[in-house]
């Protein structure tokens, strides 16, 4: 049996995860992003030089392109963060 998933083309929203994220971007590669759940400690590699705060993703916010809500939840629960590449259409 094959599961079919319908998509609307819209970016997934953080509210589908049931958690909020702090977003960080790499200074020398701003398309590289790290989402850290607000209830988790910020990883040491983020607090080192080279990263900057890029806002929060909460409630009904539209997630940036490249952010996969289905992957962010389990991955950030497992290792405390979710790395993704943000892009524009």
N, C-alpha and C. Protein backbone atom coordinates (compact mmCIF):
# COMPACT_ATOMS: atom_id res chain seq x y z
N UNK A 1 0.84 -1.17 0.00
CA UNK A 1 0.00 0.00 0.00
C UNK A 1 0.89 1.23 0.00
N UNK A 2 0.51 2.25 -0.79
CA UNK A 2 1.25 3.49 -0.89
C UNK A 2 0.42 4.60 -0.27
N UNK A 3 1.03 5.35 0.65
CA UNK A 3 0.35 6.50 1.24
C UNK A 3 0.56 7.70 0.34
N UNK A 4 -0.49 8.45 0.14
CA UNK A 4 -0.43 9.67 -0.66
C UNK A 4 -0.62 10.85 0.27
N UNK A 5 0.28 11.83 0.13
CA UNK A 5 0.19 13.03 0.95
C UNK A 5 -0.11 14.20 0.03
N UNK A 6 -1.19 14.89 0.30
CA UNK A 6 -1.55 16.07 -0.49
C UNK A 6 -0.85 17.28 0.11
N UNK A 7 -0.32 18.16 -0.73
CA UNK A 7 0.31 19.38 -0.25
C UNK A 7 -0.38 20.58 -0.86
N UNK A 8 -0.35 21.67 -0.14
CA UNK A 8 -0.98 22.90 -0.61
C UNK A 8 0.03 23.84 -1.23
N UNK A 9 1.31 23.53 -1.10
CA UNK A 9 2.35 24.43 -1.60
C UNK A 9 2.76 25.47 -0.57
N UNK A 10 2.01 25.60 0.51
CA UNK A 10 2.34 26.56 1.56
C UNK A 10 3.39 25.95 2.48
N UNK A 11 4.18 26.80 3.09
CA UNK A 11 5.19 26.33 4.04
C UNK A 11 4.49 25.80 5.28
N UNK A 12 4.98 24.73 5.88
CA UNK A 12 4.37 24.20 7.10
C UNK A 12 4.45 25.21 8.23
N UNK A 13 3.47 25.22 9.08
CA UNK A 13 3.44 26.15 10.21
C UNK A 13 3.94 25.48 11.47
N UNK A 14 4.53 26.27 12.38
CA UNK A 14 5.05 25.73 13.63
C UNK A 14 3.93 25.18 14.49
N UNK A 15 2.73 25.71 14.35
CA UNK A 15 1.62 25.26 15.19
C UNK A 15 1.30 23.78 14.98
N UNK A 16 1.67 23.23 13.85
CA UNK A 16 1.46 21.81 13.60
C UNK A 16 2.37 20.95 14.47
N UNK A 17 3.41 21.56 15.00
CA UNK A 17 4.36 20.83 15.84
C UNK A 17 3.96 20.83 17.30
N UNK A 18 3.22 21.83 17.70
CA UNK A 18 2.89 21.97 19.11
C UNK A 18 4.05 22.54 19.92
N UNK A 19 5.04 23.12 19.27
CA UNK A 19 6.15 23.75 19.99
C UNK A 19 6.63 24.97 19.24
N UNK A 20 7.32 25.84 19.95
CA UNK A 20 7.86 27.06 19.38
C UNK A 20 9.38 26.94 19.26
N UNK A 21 9.95 27.64 18.31
CA UNK A 21 11.39 27.56 18.05
C UNK A 21 12.03 28.93 18.05
N UNK A 22 13.27 29.00 18.54
CA UNK A 22 14.14 30.15 18.31
C UNK A 22 14.94 29.82 17.07
N UNK A 23 15.04 30.78 16.16
CA UNK A 23 15.76 30.56 14.91
C UNK A 23 17.08 31.32 14.93
N UNK A 24 18.12 30.68 14.41
CA UNK A 24 19.44 31.27 14.30
C UNK A 24 19.92 31.08 12.88
N UNK A 25 20.74 32.03 12.38
CA UNK A 25 21.30 31.90 11.03
C UNK A 25 22.81 32.06 11.10
N UNK A 26 23.46 31.39 10.20
CA UNK A 26 24.91 31.46 10.09
C UNK A 26 25.27 32.78 9.45
N UNK A 27 26.20 33.54 10.05
CA UNK A 27 26.56 34.86 9.55
C UNK A 27 27.17 34.79 8.16
N UNK A 28 28.08 33.85 7.94
CA UNK A 28 28.77 33.77 6.65
C UNK A 28 28.01 32.94 5.61
N UNK A 29 26.90 32.35 5.99
CA UNK A 29 26.06 31.58 5.07
C UNK A 29 24.61 31.70 5.57
N UNK A 30 23.97 32.87 5.36
CA UNK A 30 22.68 33.15 5.97
C UNK A 30 21.55 32.19 5.58
N UNK A 31 21.74 31.42 4.54
CA UNK A 31 20.72 30.43 4.18
C UNK A 31 20.75 29.21 5.11
N UNK A 32 21.83 29.03 5.85
CA UNK A 32 21.95 27.94 6.81
C UNK A 32 21.31 28.37 8.12
N UNK A 33 20.29 27.65 8.56
CA UNK A 33 19.53 28.01 9.74
C UNK A 33 19.52 26.88 10.76
N UNK A 34 19.31 27.24 11.99
CA UNK A 34 19.17 26.28 13.07
C UNK A 34 17.95 26.67 13.89
N UNK A 35 17.04 25.74 14.07
CA UNK A 35 15.84 25.94 14.88
C UNK A 35 16.03 25.18 16.19
N UNK A 36 15.88 25.90 17.30
CA UNK A 36 16.03 25.30 18.63
C UNK A 36 14.71 25.47 19.37
N UNK A 37 14.11 24.38 19.84
CA UNK A 37 12.86 24.52 20.60
C UNK A 37 13.07 25.47 21.78
N UNK A 38 12.08 26.31 22.04
CA UNK A 38 12.22 27.29 23.12
C UNK A 38 12.36 26.65 24.49
N UNK A 39 11.93 25.41 24.62
CA UNK A 39 12.06 24.74 25.92
C UNK A 39 13.36 23.95 26.04
N UNK A 40 14.28 24.13 25.08
CA UNK A 40 15.58 23.44 25.12
C UNK A 40 16.69 24.47 25.20
N UNK A 41 17.83 24.05 25.74
CA UNK A 41 19.01 24.92 25.81
C UNK A 41 19.58 25.14 24.41
N UNK A 42 20.10 26.32 24.17
CA UNK A 42 20.74 26.62 22.89
C UNK A 42 22.07 25.88 22.85
N UNK A 43 22.33 25.11 21.78
CA UNK A 43 23.59 24.35 21.69
C UNK A 43 24.82 25.26 21.71
N UNK A 44 25.92 24.72 22.21
CA UNK A 44 27.16 25.50 22.32
C UNK A 44 27.66 25.98 20.97
N UNK A 45 27.46 25.21 19.91
CA UNK A 45 27.98 25.66 18.62
C UNK A 45 27.23 26.92 18.14
N UNK A 46 26.02 27.13 18.61
CA UNK A 46 25.26 28.33 18.26
C UNK A 46 25.73 29.53 19.08
N UNK A 47 26.05 29.32 20.34
CA UNK A 47 26.49 30.43 21.19
C UNK A 47 27.92 30.86 20.89
N UNK A 48 28.64 30.08 20.10
CA UNK A 48 29.98 30.48 19.65
C UNK A 48 29.82 31.54 18.55
N UNK A 49 30.92 32.09 18.12
CA UNK A 49 30.86 33.10 17.06
C UNK A 49 30.40 32.48 15.75
N UNK A 50 29.82 33.30 14.91
CA UNK A 50 29.42 32.85 13.59
C UNK A 50 27.93 32.65 13.42
N UNK A 51 27.15 32.71 14.49
CA UNK A 51 25.69 32.56 14.41
C UNK A 51 25.03 33.80 15.00
N UNK A 52 23.84 34.14 14.49
CA UNK A 52 23.08 35.25 15.04
C UNK A 52 21.61 34.87 15.16
N UNK A 53 20.95 35.49 16.12
CA UNK A 53 19.53 35.24 16.34
C UNK A 53 18.75 35.75 15.15
N UNK A 54 17.77 34.96 14.68
CA UNK A 54 17.01 35.33 13.49
C UNK A 54 15.51 35.37 13.74
N UNK A 55 15.10 35.35 15.01
CA UNK A 55 13.68 35.46 15.32
C UNK A 55 13.12 34.19 15.95
N UNK A 56 11.82 34.19 16.11
CA UNK A 56 11.14 33.04 16.68
C UNK A 56 10.07 32.54 15.72
N UNK A 57 9.71 31.29 15.89
CA UNK A 57 8.68 30.65 15.09
C UNK A 57 7.68 30.07 16.09
N UNK A 58 6.52 30.71 16.19
CA UNK A 58 5.53 30.30 17.18
C UNK A 58 4.14 30.28 16.58
N UNK A 59 3.25 29.60 17.26
CA UNK A 59 1.83 29.62 16.93
C UNK A 59 1.52 29.42 15.46
N UNK A 60 0.88 30.41 14.86
CA UNK A 60 0.44 30.32 13.48
C UNK A 60 1.41 30.94 12.49
N UNK A 61 2.65 31.23 12.92
CA UNK A 61 3.64 31.80 12.01
C UNK A 61 3.85 30.87 10.82
N UNK A 62 4.11 31.46 9.69
CA UNK A 62 4.48 30.67 8.52
C UNK A 62 5.96 30.36 8.61
N UNK A 63 6.30 29.12 8.49
CA UNK A 63 7.70 28.71 8.58
C UNK A 63 8.47 29.18 7.36
N UNK A 64 9.77 29.45 7.53
CA UNK A 64 10.58 29.82 6.37
C UNK A 64 10.67 28.66 5.37
N UNK A 65 10.84 29.00 4.10
CA UNK A 65 11.02 27.96 3.10
C UNK A 65 12.22 27.10 3.48
N UNK A 66 12.08 25.82 3.33
CA UNK A 66 13.13 24.88 3.69
C UNK A 66 12.92 24.24 5.05
N UNK A 67 12.07 24.84 5.88
CA UNK A 67 11.77 24.29 7.20
C UNK A 67 10.72 23.20 7.03
N UNK A 68 11.05 21.99 7.45
CA UNK A 68 10.13 20.85 7.33
C UNK A 68 9.57 20.53 8.71
N UNK A 69 8.32 20.90 8.93
CA UNK A 69 7.69 20.72 10.25
C UNK A 69 7.68 19.26 10.67
N UNK A 70 7.50 18.35 9.72
CA UNK A 70 7.46 16.92 10.07
C UNK A 70 8.82 16.41 10.53
N UNK A 71 9.90 16.99 10.04
CA UNK A 71 11.24 16.58 10.45
C UNK A 71 11.71 17.34 11.70
N UNK A 72 11.32 18.60 11.81
CA UNK A 72 11.81 19.44 12.91
C UNK A 72 11.42 18.90 14.28
N UNK A 73 10.19 18.43 14.41
CA UNK A 73 9.73 17.93 15.71
C UNK A 73 10.56 16.78 16.23
N UNK A 74 10.63 15.67 15.49
CA UNK A 74 11.40 14.52 15.99
C UNK A 74 12.90 14.79 16.10
N UNK A 75 13.48 15.49 15.11
CA UNK A 75 14.92 15.73 15.15
C UNK A 75 15.31 16.65 16.30
N UNK A 76 14.53 17.70 16.53
CA UNK A 76 14.87 18.60 17.63
C UNK A 76 14.60 17.93 18.99
N UNK A 77 13.66 17.00 19.02
CA UNK A 77 13.43 16.26 20.25
C UNK A 77 14.57 15.29 20.54
N UNK A 78 15.19 14.79 19.49
CA UNK A 78 16.26 13.81 19.64
C UNK A 78 17.60 14.46 19.99
N UNK A 79 17.97 15.53 19.24
CA UNK A 79 19.28 16.11 19.49
C UNK A 79 19.24 17.56 19.99
N UNK A 80 18.04 18.14 20.14
CA UNK A 80 17.92 19.47 20.71
C UNK A 80 17.90 20.60 19.70
N UNK A 81 18.05 20.30 18.42
CA UNK A 81 18.02 21.34 17.39
C UNK A 81 17.68 20.72 16.04
N UNK A 82 17.37 21.58 15.08
CA UNK A 82 17.06 21.15 13.71
C UNK A 82 17.76 22.10 12.76
N UNK A 83 18.68 21.58 11.95
CA UNK A 83 19.41 22.38 10.97
C UNK A 83 18.69 22.27 9.62
N UNK A 84 18.53 23.40 8.96
CA UNK A 84 17.91 23.38 7.63
C UNK A 84 18.47 24.51 6.79
N UNK A 85 18.23 24.42 5.50
CA UNK A 85 18.65 25.47 4.57
C UNK A 85 17.41 26.23 4.13
N UNK A 86 17.39 27.51 4.39
CA UNK A 86 16.28 28.35 4.00
C UNK A 86 16.52 28.85 2.59
N UNK A 87 15.49 28.86 1.78
CA UNK A 87 15.62 29.28 0.40
C UNK A 87 14.38 30.07 0.01
N UNK A 88 14.52 30.78 -1.08
CA UNK A 88 13.40 31.56 -1.62
C UNK A 88 12.96 30.97 -2.94
N UNK A 89 11.69 31.14 -3.23
CA UNK A 89 11.18 30.65 -4.52
C UNK A 89 11.47 31.64 -5.60
